[in-house]
Each structure stands twice: as structure tokens, then as C-alpha cells.
Amino acid sequence: MRILVYGAGVIGSFNAARLTDAGHDVTLLARGRRLVELREHGVVLENARTGRRTTTRVPVVERLEPGDAYELVLVAMGCHEVPAILPALAANRQTPNVLFLGNNAAGPDACVEALGPERVLIGQANLGGERRGHVIRYLWVRWLPLEFDELHEGRTARTDAIDAAFRRAGIVTHLTRDLDASLKTHAASLVPIAGALYLAGGDVRRLARSRRTLRLWVRSTSEGFRALRAVGIPVTPSVLRLVDLIPASLLAFGMGRFLDTDLAVVGLGGHGNAAPDEMKALADDFRAILRASGLPSPASDRLYAAVDARALTGDRAA
């Protein structure tokens, strides 16, 4: 399959390398310093668990031209960056399939309006990590699937082709109905934990020891889930509904134990501290859901304010 990966952060770099190694015709779109790094070093991946490094040479471009023809464009960019690239994607009519892979609490309407419903798929990645210079340190759970959604249809010939392309690269996929609800549910928990991280000065292990802040995260997540239900969006996957049945102190304790690990430092700390603008965009979009619900959200108000403050300072590091 001929694929353009639009964005060369953790998710884009990882998928570009894996798909290339599997024999697909992959091009990676990057700009600025990242473009220079990729041309000089290739895609350098480091497994955060094992320390093993691999290097894959992937052709790199800095723009998508209207006449460029790909079978799939995989957009791996923060939700705050997507609006700026929609005109370039819309101008290119040679590519029939565009899969937006990333956090999104606003829904796919803007993408569908720009590109048309027949071209758009949405997805959710199964990895995290951080950039250290030209090296991508990644956390990838092999058995967790990369999920994607056709929006208005079930399984089609193109979803079969996309599924086959990723599975050939050793990446398990799952076609999911109503992935939009899952993305919104994820944002209901992600934005508060980002706010909690920022209250802890960007220090994941410090946050792990702050039971008060973690209980605030639990309450904010519960507020988000209640807001989703109030506006008719199911909490997805359904197992997360148990959050309202488990004592907040127990959830905070469990999260604290998880945060006090090297994996959490890389997965949460790496991304959260590097992406305050994305967290701010997610917060703004989820605030619209909180407002629409008409329900009080005092815990969310406090943690979302911490997200606003970090984005305002422009600080990209702990």
C-alpha cells in the first residue's frame, strides 16, 4: 500500500517505520528541525522497556501537493494542529482515504466538512512515548489494537485493506463502531490527568505521591463521564462505568502506584509535558460538553485551569 504519514512525532514516526519495514511504500511528512533530523538520521526508535534501538530510512517530504497520489494518508498530529492542514488535504483529491489518528474531543465534523464523508476515517493509537532529540522513545502494547472507525458504515473493502496493511506490520487493528464516543471518554480522563500533572510541576513521581491531587483527578473524570451521559454520549468502553462505583480513594491509590513507574514517566510525563497546546485544545473541546450537560464540575474547573495555565506559559518541559 502507498501511504503518506502526515506528522513525524511519536505516533507518526513509529507507524511510518513499522509500515516501511513491512514492505509498504511509505512517505513521512515533516517540517523544520524534525525534517532535518529524519533526513540525517532516519527514523530512530527506542523501546522504552528494553532500550533496543532501530533505524529505518523513510522518504521524507515537507508538504502534500494537490497531485500527490496515495492510497492512504495517516494523519498523526495533535488535535490543535489538524485544522491548519485540512485545506491541504482537501486540495488533494488523489487520495481516497484519510485516517485521523489521535486524541479528539470535538468529533469528526470539521474533517468531514472539509474532505467529505467518503474520505474520512477516525482512529485511536495504541502507543505513547516521547522525543529525545532525534530519537523516539516509545511504549507500545502489542496486544492492544489500533482502533479505527468508518463513521457511517461497517466493514468495507478499504477497512479490510487498511487492516491488512497494519497487520502485515505486526500492528493489531480493530474496526470499532462509535469510536467518537471512545475518544470523548478518553478525553474525559486525559485532560484531568494532564491538569494534575501540571499542578505537580510536570513531575510524574511527585504526582504519584499526591493523593489529594489524584482524588481531584478521580472526581473530575467522574464529572466528565456524567456530562457525557447527560448529553447522550455513552461512556465507552462500558467497563469504565465502574469508575462511579469504585471509591475515589481506591482509584487514586491505584493510579498513584501506576504513576510511580518508569513507564508512566515516559508515557504520561513525556507526552503531557511536551504537548500543553494539545491538552489545552482538548480541554476547550471537552468544556463544551461540560457546559452542554448543565452539571456542576468544580473538580474539572480546577484541573482545566491548570491546563490553561501551562499552555499560557508555553512551557514544553517539566
C-alpha atoms as a PDB file:
ATOM      1  CA  MET A   1       0.000   0.000   0.000  1.00  0.00           C
ATOM      2  CA  ARG A   2       1.223   3.536  -0.800  1.00  0.00           C
ATOM      3  CA  ILE A   3       0.903   5.557   2.398  1.00  0.00           C
ATOM      4  CA  LEU A   4       1.667   9.122   3.496  1.00  0.00           C
ATOM      5  CA  VAL A   5       2.151   9.550   7.239  1.00  0.00           C
ATOM      6  CA  TYR A   6       1.321  13.198   7.953  1.00  0.00           C
ATOM      7  CA  GLY A   7       3.220  14.112  11.113  1.00  0.00           C
ATOM      8  CA  ALA A   8       6.521  12.795  12.486  1.00  0.00           C
ATOM      9  CA  GLY A   9       6.040  12.736  16.237  1.00  0.00           C
ATOM     10  CA  VAL A  10       5.866   9.564  18.306  1.00  0.00           C
ATOM     11  CA  ILE A  11       2.792   8.046  16.646  1.00  0.00           C
ATOM     12  CA  GLY A  12       3.692   9.078  13.119  1.00  0.00           C
ATOM     13  CA  SER A  13       7.327   8.002  13.347  1.00  0.00           C
ATOM     14  CA  PHE A  14       6.520   4.638  14.903  1.00  0.00           C
ATOM     15  CA  ASN A  15       3.872   3.758  12.335  1.00  0.00           C
ATOM     16  CA  ALA A  16       5.949   5.015   9.409  1.00  0.00           C
ATOM     17  CA  ALA A  17       8.870   2.826  10.453  1.00  0.00           C
ATOM     18  CA  ARG A  18       6.793  -0.283  11.109  1.00  0.00           C
ATOM     19  CA  LEU A  19       4.853   0.046   7.855  1.00  0.00           C
ATOM     20  CA  THR A  20       8.071   0.636   5.906  1.00  0.00           C
ATOM     21  CA  ASP A  21       9.771  -2.346   7.483  1.00  0.00           C
ATOM     22  CA  ALA A  22       6.778  -4.446   6.428  1.00  0.00           C
ATOM     23  CA  GLY A  23       7.360  -3.535   2.786  1.00  0.00           C
ATOM     24  CA  HIS A  24       4.820  -0.788   2.252  1.00  0.00           C
ATOM     25  CA  ASP A  25       5.604   2.290   0.143  1.00  0.00           C
ATOM     26  CA  VAL A  26       5.635   4.897   2.909  1.00  0.00           C
ATOM     27  CA  THR A  27       6.443   8.601   2.861  1.00  0.00           C
ATOM     28  CA  LEU A  28       6.697  10.695   6.023  1.00  0.00           C
ATOM     29  CA  LEU A  29       5.718  14.361   6.075  1.00  0.00           C
ATOM     30  CA  ALA A  30       7.698  16.538   8.478  1.00  0.00           C
ATOM     31  CA  ARG A  31       8.827  20.132   8.769  1.00  0.00           C
ATOM     32  CA  GLY A  32      11.521  22.245  10.349  1.00  0.00           C
ATOM     33  CA  ARG A  33      14.048  20.646  12.640  1.00  0.00           C
ATOM     34  CA  ARG A  34      12.292  17.279  12.549  1.00  0.00           C
ATOM     35  CA  LEU A  35      12.614  17.184   8.763  1.00  0.00           C
ATOM     36  CA  VAL A  36      16.370  17.769   9.035  1.00  0.00           C
ATOM     37  CA  GLU A  37      16.706  15.081  11.728  1.00  0.00           C
ATOM     38  CA  LEU A  38      14.871  12.490   9.640  1.00  0.00           C
ATOM     39  CA  ARG A  39      16.965  13.186   6.553  1.00  0.00           C
ATOM     40  CA  GLU A  40      20.159  12.884   8.555  1.00  0.00           C
ATOM     41  CA  HIS A  41      19.366  10.005  10.911  1.00  0.00           C
ATOM     42  CA  GLY A  42      16.271   8.243   9.562  1.00  0.00           C
ATOM     43  CA  VAL A  43      13.518   7.185  11.953  1.00  0.00           C
ATOM     44  CA  VAL A  44      15.294   6.117  15.136  1.00  0.00           C
ATOM     45  CA  LEU A  45      13.051   4.239  17.567  1.00  0.00           C
ATOM     46  CA  GLU A  46      13.987   3.197  21.082  1.00  0.00           C
ATOM     47  CA  ASN A  47      11.855   0.742  23.020  1.00  0.00           C
ATOM     48  CA  ALA A  48      11.384   2.364  26.427  1.00  0.00           C
ATOM     49  CA  ARG A  49      11.111  -1.030  28.109  1.00  0.00           C
ATOM     50  CA  THR A  50      14.162  -2.723  26.623  1.00  0.00           C
ATOM     51  CA  GLY A  51      16.333   0.136  25.370  1.00  0.00           C
ATOM     52  CA  ARG A  52      16.608  -1.552  21.969  1.00  0.00           C
ATOM     53  CA  ARG A  53      17.095   0.899  19.087  1.00  0.00           C
ATOM     54  CA  THR A  54      16.219   0.502  15.446  1.00  0.00           C
ATOM     55  CA  THR A  55      16.767   2.785  12.468  1.00  0.00           C
ATOM     56  CA  THR A  56      14.515   2.834   9.412  1.00  0.00           C
ATOM     57  CA  ARG A  57      15.086   5.012   6.393  1.00  0.00           C
ATOM     58  CA  VAL A  58      11.768   6.512   5.269  1.00  0.00           C
ATOM     59  CA  PRO A  59      11.429   9.004   2.392  1.00  0.00           C
ATOM     60  CA  VAL A  60      10.529  12.449   3.744  1.00  0.00           C
ATOM     61  CA  VAL A  61       8.594  15.359   2.230  1.00  0.00           C
ATOM     62  CA  GLU A  62       7.618  18.697   3.715  1.00  0.00           C
ATOM     63  CA  ARG A  63       4.251  19.190   2.028  1.00  0.00           C
ATOM     64  CA  LEU A  64       1.358  17.383   0.383  1.00  0.00           C
ATOM     65  CA  GLU A  65       0.858  18.584  -3.175  1.00  0.00           C
ATOM     66  CA  PRO A  66      -2.590  18.513  -4.821  1.00  0.00           C
ATOM     67  CA  GLY A  67      -1.442  15.959  -7.386  1.00  0.00           C
ATOM     68  CA  ASP A  68       0.239  13.536  -4.973  1.00  0.00           C
ATOM     69  CA  ALA A  69      -1.474  10.167  -5.059  1.00  0.00           C
ATOM     70  CA  TYR A  70      -1.553   7.851  -2.061  1.00  0.00           C
ATOM     71  CA  GLU A  71      -3.888   5.040  -1.143  1.00  0.00           C
ATOM     72  CA  LEU A  72      -3.976   6.240   2.460  1.00  0.00           C
ATOM     73  CA  VAL A  73      -2.985   9.369   4.369  1.00  0.00           C
ATOM     74  CA  LEU A  74      -2.426   8.643   8.043  1.00  0.00           C
ATOM     75  CA  VAL A  75      -2.719  11.908   9.989  1.00  0.00           C
ATOM     76  CA  ALA A  76      -0.741  11.617  13.233  1.00  0.00           C
ATOM     77  CA  MET A  77      -0.892  15.137  14.633  1.00  0.00           C
ATOM     78  CA  GLY A  78      -2.291  16.843  17.712  1.00  0.00           C
ATOM     79  CA  CYS A  79      -5.936  17.873  17.506  1.00  0.00           C
ATOM     80  CA  HIS A  80      -4.896  21.524  17.747  1.00  0.00           C
ATOM     81  CA  GLU A  81      -2.797  21.120  14.578  1.00  0.00           C
ATOM     82  CA  VAL A  82      -5.379  19.376  12.401  1.00  0.00           C
ATOM     83  CA  PRO A  83      -7.447  22.448  11.378  1.00  0.00           C
ATOM     84  CA  ALA A  84      -4.382  24.038   9.748  1.00  0.00           C
ATOM     85  CA  ILE A  85      -3.741  21.026   7.485  1.00  0.00           C
ATOM     86  CA  LEU A  86      -7.328  20.432   6.346  1.00  0.00           C
ATOM     87  CA  PRO A  87      -7.009  22.817   3.337  1.00  0.00           C
ATOM     88  CA  ALA A  88      -4.002  20.856   2.002  1.00  0.00           C
ATOM     89  CA  LEU A  89      -5.835  17.566   2.489  1.00  0.00           C
ATOM     90  CA  ALA A  90      -8.948  18.954   0.826  1.00  0.00           C
ATOM     91  CA  ALA A  91      -6.946  20.248  -2.153  1.00  0.00           C
ATOM     92  CA  ASN A  92      -5.544  16.791  -2.752  1.00  0.00           C
ATOM     93  CA  ARG A  93      -8.267  14.725  -4.439  1.00  0.00           C
ATOM     94  CA  GLN A  94      -5.949  11.898  -5.466  1.00  0.00           C
ATOM     95  CA  THR A  95      -6.081  10.156  -2.090  1.00  0.00           C
ATOM     96  CA  PRO A  96      -9.402   8.493  -1.291  1.00  0.00           C
ATOM     97  CA  ASN A  97      -8.740   7.586   2.351  1.00  0.00           C
ATOM     98  CA  VAL A  98      -7.616   9.820   5.232  1.00  0.00           C
ATOM     99  CA  LEU A  99      -7.316   8.265   8.686  1.00  0.00           C
ATOM    100  CA  PHE A 100      -7.077  10.785  11.549  1.00  0.00           C
ATOM    101  CA  LEU A 101      -5.221   9.023  14.333  1.00  0.00           C
ATOM    102  CA  GLY A 102      -5.110  10.877  17.621  1.00  0.00           C
ATOM    103  CA  ASN A 103      -6.905  12.490  20.536  1.00  0.00           C
ATOM    104  CA  ASN A 104     -10.121  14.279  19.657  1.00  0.00           C
ATOM    105  CA  ALA A 105     -12.904  15.533  21.922  1.00  0.00           C
ATOM    106  CA  ALA A 106     -14.626  17.706  19.299  1.00  0.00           C
ATOM    107  CA  GLY A 107     -15.718  14.930  16.956  1.00  0.00           C
ATOM    108  CA  PRO A 108     -15.045  14.442  13.256  1.00  0.00           C
ATOM    109  CA  ASP A 109     -17.422  17.072  11.856  1.00  0.00           C
ATOM    110  CA  ALA A 110     -14.738  19.562  10.788  1.00  0.00           C
ATOM    111  CA  CYS A 111     -12.795  16.846   8.970  1.00  0.00           C
ATOM    112  CA  VAL A 112     -15.928  15.516   7.280  1.00  0.00           C
ATOM    113  CA  GLU A 113     -16.969  19.019   6.204  1.00  0.00           C
ATOM    114  CA  ALA A 114     -13.531  19.704   4.687  1.00  0.00           C
ATOM    115  CA  LEU A 115     -12.929  16.370   2.973  1.00  0.00           C
ATOM    116  CA  GLY A 116     -16.322  14.762   2.544  1.00  0.00           C
ATOM    117  CA  PRO A 117     -17.697  11.785   4.484  1.00  0.00           C
ATOM    118  CA  GLU A 118     -16.460   9.276   1.923  1.00  0.00           C
ATOM    119  CA  ARG A 119     -12.782  10.051   2.628  1.00  0.00           C
ATOM    120  CA  VAL A 120     -12.662  10.314   6.423  1.00  0.00           C
ATOM    121  CA  LEU A 121     -11.860   7.641   8.983  1.00  0.00           C
ATOM    122  CA  ILE A 122     -11.003   8.270  12.633  1.00  0.00           C
ATOM    123  CA  GLY A 123      -8.719   6.213  14.837  1.00  0.00           C
ATOM    124  CA  GLN A 124      -7.068   5.847  18.227  1.00  0.00           C
ATOM    125  CA  ALA A 125      -3.443   4.769  18.597  1.00  0.00           C
ATOM    126  CA  ASN A 126      -2.159   2.119  20.979  1.00  0.00           C
ATOM    127  CA  LEU A 127       1.161   3.677  21.924  1.00  0.00           C
ATOM    128  CA  GLY A 128       2.768   6.591  23.692  1.00  0.00           C
ATOM    129  CA  GLY A 129       6.220   7.980  24.255  1.00  0.00           C
ATOM    130  CA  GLU A 130       8.441  10.997  23.898  1.00  0.00           C
ATOM    131  CA  ARG A 131      11.043  12.572  21.638  1.00  0.00           C
ATOM    132  CA  ARG A 132      14.596  12.928  22.895  1.00  0.00           C
ATOM    133  CA  GLY A 133      16.480  14.781  20.229  1.00  0.00           C
ATOM    134  CA  HIS A 134      16.145  12.755  17.040  1.00  0.00           C
ATOM    135  CA  VAL A 135      15.244   9.582  18.963  1.00  0.00           C
ATOM    136  CA  ILE A 136      11.654   8.453  19.558  1.00  0.00           C
ATOM    137  CA  ARG A 137      11.287   6.559  22.854  1.00  0.00           C
ATOM    138  CA  TYR A 138       8.077   4.617  22.599  1.00  0.00           C
ATOM    139  CA  LEU A 139       5.769   2.465  24.686  1.00  0.00           C
ATOM    140  CA  TRP A 140       3.814   0.022  22.575  1.00  0.00           C
ATOM    141  CA  VAL A 141       1.440  -2.619  23.867  1.00  0.00           C
ATOM    142  CA  ARG A 142       1.418  -5.225  21.103  1.00  0.00           C
ATOM    143  CA  TRP A 143      -1.831  -6.886  22.153  1.00  0.00           C
ATOM    144  CA  LEU A 144      -3.829  -3.646  22.402  1.00  0.00           C
ATOM    145  CA  PRO A 145      -5.322  -2.817  18.991  1.00  0.00           C
ATOM    146  CA  LEU A 146      -5.058   0.318  16.948  1.00  0.00           C
ATOM    147  CA  GLU A 147      -8.756   1.147  16.641  1.00  0.00           C
ATOM    148  CA  PHE A 148     -10.395   2.898  13.722  1.00  0.00           C
ATOM    149  CA  ASP A 149     -13.916   3.693  12.578  1.00  0.00           C
ATOM    150  CA  GLU A 150     -15.669   4.097   9.222  1.00  0.00           C
ATOM    151  CA  LEU A 151     -18.109   6.582  10.829  1.00  0.00           C
ATOM    152  CA  HIS A 152     -21.185   5.773   8.757  1.00  0.00           C
ATOM    153  CA  GLU A 153     -20.547   2.247   7.529  1.00  0.00           C
ATOM    154  CA  GLY A 154     -19.458  -1.123   8.814  1.00  0.00           C
ATOM    155  CA  ARG A 155     -16.634  -3.161   7.354  1.00  0.00           C
ATOM    156  CA  THR A 156     -15.763  -2.213   3.780  1.00  0.00           C
ATOM    157  CA  ALA A 157     -13.120  -3.091   1.190  1.00  0.00           C
ATOM    158  CA  ARG A 158     -10.983  -0.153   2.312  1.00  0.00           C
ATOM    159  CA  THR A 159     -11.160  -1.082   6.003  1.00  0.00           C
ATOM    160  CA  ASP A 160     -10.082  -4.596   5.067  1.00  0.00           C
ATOM    161  CA  ALA A 161      -7.139  -3.147   3.111  1.00  0.00           C
ATOM    162  CA  ILE A 162      -6.111  -0.840   5.976  1.00  0.00           C
ATOM    163  CA  ASP A 163      -6.450  -3.670   8.475  1.00  0.00           C
ATOM    164  CA  ALA A 164      -4.277  -5.911   6.289  1.00  0.00           C
ATOM    165  CA  ALA A 165      -1.609  -3.205   5.892  1.00  0.00           C
ATOM    166  CA  PHE A 166      -1.212  -2.718   9.646  1.00  0.00           C
ATOM    167  CA  ARG A 167      -1.377  -6.413  10.474  1.00  0.00           C
ATOM    168  CA  ARG A 168       1.362  -7.042   7.932  1.00  0.00           C
ATOM    169  CA  ALA A 169       3.427  -4.620  10.006  1.00  0.00           C
ATOM    170  CA  GLY A 170       2.656  -6.574  13.191  1.00  0.00           C
ATOM    171  CA  ILE A 171       0.163  -3.983  14.456  1.00  0.00           C
ATOM    172  CA  VAL A 172      -3.159  -5.409  15.594  1.00  0.00           C
ATOM    173  CA  THR A 173      -6.162  -3.337  14.492  1.00  0.00           C
ATOM    174  CA  HIS A 174      -9.828  -3.350  15.366  1.00  0.00           C
ATOM    175  CA  LEU A 175     -12.692  -1.802  13.425  1.00  0.00           C
ATOM    176  CA  THR A 176     -14.823  -0.086  16.078  1.00  0.00           C
ATOM    177  CA  ARG A 177     -18.274   1.399  15.857  1.00  0.00           C
ATOM    178  CA  ASP A 178     -18.786   4.768  17.544  1.00  0.00           C
ATOM    179  CA  LEU A 179     -15.111   5.440  18.144  1.00  0.00           C
ATOM    180  CA  ASP A 180     -16.066   9.095  18.586  1.00  0.00           C
ATOM    181  CA  ALA A 181     -17.636   8.168  21.941  1.00  0.00           C
ATOM    182  CA  SER A 182     -14.458   6.341  22.949  1.00  0.00           C
ATOM    183  CA  LEU A 183     -12.308   9.355  22.044  1.00  0.00           C
ATOM    184  CA  LYS A 184     -14.540  11.658  24.088  1.00  0.00           C
ATOM    185  CA  THR A 185     -14.438   9.232  27.014  1.00  0.00           C
ATOM    186  CA  HIS A 186     -10.642   9.144  26.785  1.00  0.00           C
ATOM    187  CA  ALA A 187     -10.528  12.950  26.837  1.00  0.00           C
ATOM    188  CA  ALA A 188     -12.712  13.000  29.969  1.00  0.00           C
ATOM    189  CA  SER A 189      -9.877  11.246  31.814  1.00  0.00           C
ATOM    190  CA  LEU A 190      -6.847  12.531  29.889  1.00  0.00           C
ATOM    191  CA  VAL A 191      -7.438  16.254  30.347  1.00  0.00           C
ATOM    192  CA  PRO A 192      -7.792  15.967  34.154  1.00  0.00           C
ATOM    193  CA  ILE A 193      -4.655  13.825  34.498  1.00  0.00           C
ATOM    194  CA  ALA A 194      -2.770  16.386  32.399  1.00  0.00           C
ATOM    195  CA  GLY A 195      -4.028  19.121  34.723  1.00  0.00           C
ATOM    196  CA  ALA A 196      -2.989  17.073  37.746  1.00  0.00           C
ATOM    197  CA  LEU A 197       0.462  16.582  36.197  1.00  0.00           C
ATOM    198  CA  TYR A 198       0.845  20.314  35.687  1.00  0.00           C
ATOM    199  CA  LEU A 199      -0.222  21.005  39.302  1.00  0.00           C
ATOM    200  CA  ALA A 200       2.636  18.685  40.270  1.00  0.00           C
ATOM    201  CA  GLY A 201       5.067  20.790  38.267  1.00  0.00           C
ATOM    202  CA  GLY A 202       5.224  18.247  35.440  1.00  0.00           C
ATOM    203  CA  ASP A 203       6.792  15.665  37.779  1.00  0.00           C
ATOM    204  CA  VAL A 204       5.025  12.303  37.379  1.00  0.00           C
ATOM    205  CA  ARG A 205       6.545  10.755  40.518  1.00  0.00           C
ATOM    206  CA  ARG A 206       5.631  13.808  42.570  1.00  0.00           C
ATOM    207  CA  LEU A 207       2.063  13.434  41.313  1.00  0.00           C
ATOM    208  CA  ALA A 208       2.139   9.754  42.274  1.00  0.00           C
ATOM    209  CA  ARG A 209       2.661  10.817  45.912  1.00  0.00           C
ATOM    210  CA  SER A 210      -0.075  13.464  45.907  1.00  0.00           C
ATOM    211  CA  ARG A 211      -3.238  11.612  46.920  1.00  0.00           C
ATOM    212  CA  ARG A 212      -5.166  14.876  47.176  1.00  0.00           C
ATOM    213  CA  THR A 213      -4.440  15.772  43.558  1.00  0.00           C
ATOM    214  CA  LEU A 214      -5.176  12.230  42.388  1.00  0.00           C
ATOM    215  CA  ARG A 215      -8.537  12.258  44.168  1.00  0.00           C
ATOM    216  CA  LEU A 216      -9.218  15.530  42.343  1.00  0.00           C
ATOM    217  CA  TRP A 217      -8.470  13.687  39.077  1.00  0.00           C
ATOM    218  CA  VAL A 218     -10.937  10.944  40.030  1.00  0.00           C
ATOM    219  CA  ARG A 219     -13.676  13.471  40.765  1.00  0.00           C
ATOM    220  CA  SER A 220     -13.004  15.359  37.538  1.00  0.00           C
ATOM    221  CA  THR A 221     -13.117  12.158  35.499  1.00  0.00           C
ATOM    222  CA  SER A 222     -16.425  11.236  37.118  1.00  0.00           C
ATOM    223  CA  GLU A 223     -17.762  14.707  36.303  1.00  0.00           C
ATOM    224  CA  GLY A 224     -16.738  14.186  32.689  1.00  0.00           C
ATOM    225  CA  PHE A 225     -18.428  10.787  32.477  1.00  0.00           C
ATOM    226  CA  ARG A 226     -21.644  12.189  33.962  1.00  0.00           C
ATOM    227  CA  ALA A 227     -21.549  15.047  31.459  1.00  0.00           C
ATOM    228  CA  LEU A 228     -21.152  12.609  28.554  1.00  0.00           C
ATOM    229  CA  ARG A 229     -24.156  10.596  29.690  1.00  0.00           C
ATOM    230  CA  ALA A 230     -26.177  13.776  30.178  1.00  0.00           C
ATOM    231  CA  VAL A 231     -25.676  14.796  26.537  1.00  0.00           C
ATOM    232  CA  GLY A 232     -26.403  11.320  25.209  1.00  0.00           C
ATOM    233  CA  ILE A 233     -22.832  10.065  24.634  1.00  0.00           C
ATOM    234  CA  PRO A 234     -22.150   6.606  26.091  1.00  0.00           C
ATOM    235  CA  VAL A 235     -19.092   6.111  28.279  1.00  0.00           C
ATOM    236  CA  THR A 236     -17.004   3.808  26.081  1.00  0.00           C
ATOM    237  CA  PRO A 237     -15.737   1.162  26.676  1.00  0.00           C
ATOM    238  CA  SER A 238     -18.519   0.277  29.092  1.00  0.00           C
ATOM    239  CA  VAL A 239     -16.116  -1.108  31.714  1.00  0.00           C
ATOM    240  CA  LEU A 240     -15.148   2.487  32.516  1.00  0.00           C
ATOM    241  CA  ARG A 241     -18.588   2.997  34.015  1.00  0.00           C
ATOM    242  CA  LEU A 242     -17.191   1.200  37.051  1.00  0.00           C
ATOM    243  CA  VAL A 243     -15.359   4.419  37.892  1.00  0.00           C
ATOM    244  CA  ASP A 244     -18.525   5.668  39.599  1.00  0.00           C
ATOM    245  CA  LEU A 245     -18.752   2.501  41.713  1.00  0.00           C
ATOM    246  CA  ILE A 246     -15.165   2.320  42.995  1.00  0.00           C
ATOM    247  CA  PRO A 247     -14.231   4.542  45.964  1.00  0.00           C
ATOM    248  CA  ALA A 248     -12.232   7.582  44.908  1.00  0.00           C
ATOM    249  CA  SER A 249      -9.523   6.797  47.443  1.00  0.00           C
ATOM    250  CA  LEU A 250      -9.012   3.335  45.940  1.00  0.00           C
ATOM    251  CA  LEU A 251      -8.821   4.693  42.383  1.00  0.00           C
ATOM    252  CA  ALA A 252      -6.376   7.376  43.495  1.00  0.00           C
ATOM    253  CA  PHE A 253      -4.228   4.744  45.218  1.00  0.00           C
ATOM    254  CA  GLY A 254      -4.166   2.553  42.106  1.00  0.00           C
ATOM    255  CA  MET A 255      -3.281   5.482  39.857  1.00  0.00           C
ATOM    256  CA  GLY A 256      -0.552   6.526  42.266  1.00  0.00           C
ATOM    257  CA  ARG A 257       1.007   3.065  42.086  1.00  0.00           C
ATOM    258  CA  PHE A 258       0.936   3.179  38.290  1.00  0.00           C
ATOM    259  CA  LEU A 259       2.383   6.680  38.115  1.00  0.00           C
ATOM    260  CA  ASP A 260       5.343   5.640  40.251  1.00  0.00           C
ATOM    261  CA  THR A 261       6.794   3.614  37.367  1.00  0.00           C
ATOM    262  CA  ASP A 262       9.244   4.325  34.571  1.00  0.00           C
ATOM    263  CA  LEU A 263       6.505   3.525  32.043  1.00  0.00           C
ATOM    264  CA  ALA A 264       4.285   6.300  33.382  1.00  0.00           C
ATOM    265  CA  VAL A 265       7.184   8.755  33.387  1.00  0.00           C
ATOM    266  CA  VAL A 266       7.687   8.115  29.674  1.00  0.00           C
ATOM    267  CA  GLY A 267       4.061   7.655  28.637  1.00  0.00           C
ATOM    268  CA  LEU A 268       2.331  10.377  30.645  1.00  0.00           C
ATOM    269  CA  GLY A 269       5.185  12.698  31.550  1.00  0.00           C
ATOM    270  CA  GLY A 270       6.803  12.636  28.122  1.00  0.00           C
ATOM    271  CA  HIS A 271       3.665  13.409  26.177  1.00  0.00           C
ATOM    272  CA  GLY A 272       1.921  15.618  28.747  1.00  0.00           C
ATOM    273  CA  ASN A 273       4.903  17.908  29.229  1.00  0.00           C
ATOM    274  CA  ALA A 274       5.610  18.121  25.500  1.00  0.00           C
ATOM    275  CA  ALA A 275       2.028  18.810  24.408  1.00  0.00           C
ATOM    276  CA  PRO A 276       0.385  21.522  26.553  1.00  0.00           C
ATOM    277  CA  ASP A 277      -1.206  23.058  23.443  1.00  0.00           C
ATOM    278  CA  GLU A 278      -2.875  19.775  22.569  1.00  0.00           C
ATOM    279  CA  MET A 279      -4.106  19.352  26.156  1.00  0.00           C
ATOM    280  CA  LYS A 280      -5.472  22.914  26.046  1.00  0.00           C
ATOM    281  CA  ALA A 281      -7.361  22.191  22.813  1.00  0.00           C
ATOM    282  CA  LEU A 282      -8.806  19.003  24.304  1.00  0.00           C
ATOM    283  CA  ALA A 283      -9.782  20.918  27.437  1.00  0.00           C
ATOM    284  CA  ASP A 284     -11.563  23.591  25.415  1.00  0.00           C
ATOM    285  CA  ASP A 285     -13.463  20.989  23.411  1.00  0.00           C
ATOM    286  CA  PHE A 286     -14.473  18.990  26.464  1.00  0.00           C
ATOM    287  CA  ARG A 287     -15.552  22.163  28.267  1.00  0.00           C
ATOM    288  CA  ALA A 288     -18.235  22.472  25.588  1.00  0.00           C
ATOM    289  CA  ILE A 289     -19.568  19.073  26.666  1.00  0.00           C
ATOM    290  CA  LEU A 290     -19.463  20.058  30.334  1.00  0.00           C
ATOM    291  CA  ARG A 291     -21.387  23.249  29.579  1.00  0.00           C
ATOM    292  CA  ALA A 292     -23.931  21.449  27.425  1.00  0.00           C
ATOM    293  CA  SER A 293     -24.624  18.992  30.240  1.00  0.00           C
ATOM    294  CA  GLY A 294     -25.595  21.772  32.658  1.00  0.00           C
ATOM    295  CA  LEU A 295     -23.980  19.832  35.508  1.00  0.00           C
ATOM    296  CA  PRO A 296     -21.582  21.302  38.080  1.00  0.00           C
ATOM    297  CA  SER A 297     -17.924  20.472  37.551  1.00  0.00           C
ATOM    298  CA  PRO A 298     -15.839  22.013  40.353  1.00  0.00           C
ATOM    299  CA  ALA A 299     -13.006  19.463  40.183  1.00  0.00           C
ATOM    300  CA  SER A 300     -12.773  19.821  36.404  1.00  0.00           C
ATOM    301  CA  ASP A 301     -12.778  23.602  36.691  1.00  0.00           C
ATOM    302  CA  ARG A 302      -9.662  23.466  38.846  1.00  0.00           C
ATOM    303  CA  LEU A 303      -7.749  20.929  36.765  1.00  0.00           C
ATOM    304  CA  TYR A 304      -8.714  22.505  33.446  1.00  0.00           C
ATOM    305  CA  ALA A 305      -7.432  25.823  34.787  1.00  0.00           C
ATOM    306  CA  ALA A 306      -4.067  24.156  35.376  1.00  0.00           C
ATOM    307  CA  VAL A 307      -4.067  23.048  31.730  1.00  0.00           C
ATOM    308  CA  ASP A 308      -4.848  26.613  30.658  1.00  0.00           C
ATOM    309  CA  ALA A 309      -2.010  27.964  32.786  1.00  0.00           C
ATOM    310  CA  ARG A 310       0.585  25.549  31.396  1.00  0.00           C
ATOM    311  CA  ALA A 311      -0.441  26.300  27.802  1.00  0.00           C
ATOM    312  CA  LEU A 312      -0.251  30.029  28.515  1.00  0.00           C
ATOM    313  CA  THR A 313       3.332  29.828  29.734  1.00  0.00           C
ATOM    314  CA  GLY A 314       4.356  27.895  26.630  1.00  0.00           C
ATOM    315  CA  ASP A 315       6.433  25.572  28.808  1.00  0.00           C
ATOM    316  CA  ARG A 316       7.148  22.311  26.944  1.00  0.00           C
ATOM    317  CA  ALA A 317       9.223  20.648  29.651  1.00  0.00           C
ATOM    318  CA  ALA A 318       8.787  19.690  33.261  1.00  0.00           C
END
